């Protein structure tokens, strides 16, 4: 699919997990750009099943040993990635663009630029969406996230709290403006779909579950999500990041309340463009960050709210 016999430049797209349609779309964006440049090929890799920063680092080191020309990376753990992989990439003069999840501020010298969603603003949008479903005072909410050290998800959680506290705090909600975080939350999934779905189902056992807000797809990527959630359709309020096809099916079946989506295809396409220009022409990115728009999908507009590749 991505190999080109005439290619002399190779860009590797490395998501947090490999078997994830979000990152597969980013790879397709890279391939789309490569089709217009006969000297470029894109390859795809990452941790196989969940957000394992150690495996991600091993994958990157293997790609460095293969002498790839550029890396497009979604960061799982900034500290670990820099110390175990990106310092080596910099020594080898192999340029890095981050997408979806950026490095921490202190580590930005190890990448040329970031392409993706403004994750704090994205979290604010998720929090604002939750306000329409407040039904008690205080209203309980449960935030589900991935790994405690993942930069983009931490920013999204901060954004959610900032929105619900009426722009007064990014700390866990303890009643600010009528919002309180459920006692067991936030929930950390490590990107494991079985765990994510189990966490959500445990909340559904309560007579009045808290509003459930996932800062990434997690449970909705599980193949049994629709089957398992169907008994709770009438009492669940579920707000989730991302709008992959499997998530839109759940939304259409009223097993999600609202999904706010990103543009992973453009992350890959734009990231590849920036890397190609840096490698081929020596033209460095003119911006530190290239922020992309996000969009809103609800139960009525699932077939028109976005395009998945």
Foldseek 3Di string as FASTA:
>chain_A
DFDAPQADAEEEEEEQEQPDLLSVLLQVLQSVLVVVPRRYTYHYDYHHAFRDQVRRLVVLVVVVVVVHQEYEYQDAAQVCNVVRHLVVCVVVVRAYEYEPFDHDPVRLVSHQAYEWAPLLVVLLVLLVVCVVVCDDFQAEEEEEEEDPRGRSRLSSQQSNVCNCLVNDGSDADPRRNRYHYDPVDDHYHSLHQVSQLVVVLVQLVDPQGGAYEYAACRPLVDPCSQVSQVVSLVRYAYEYEAQDPSNLVCQLVSSYAKYKYINSSVSSNVRSVQSCCCRPVVDGDPDRYHHGDIWMDHNPQSPPTDDRD
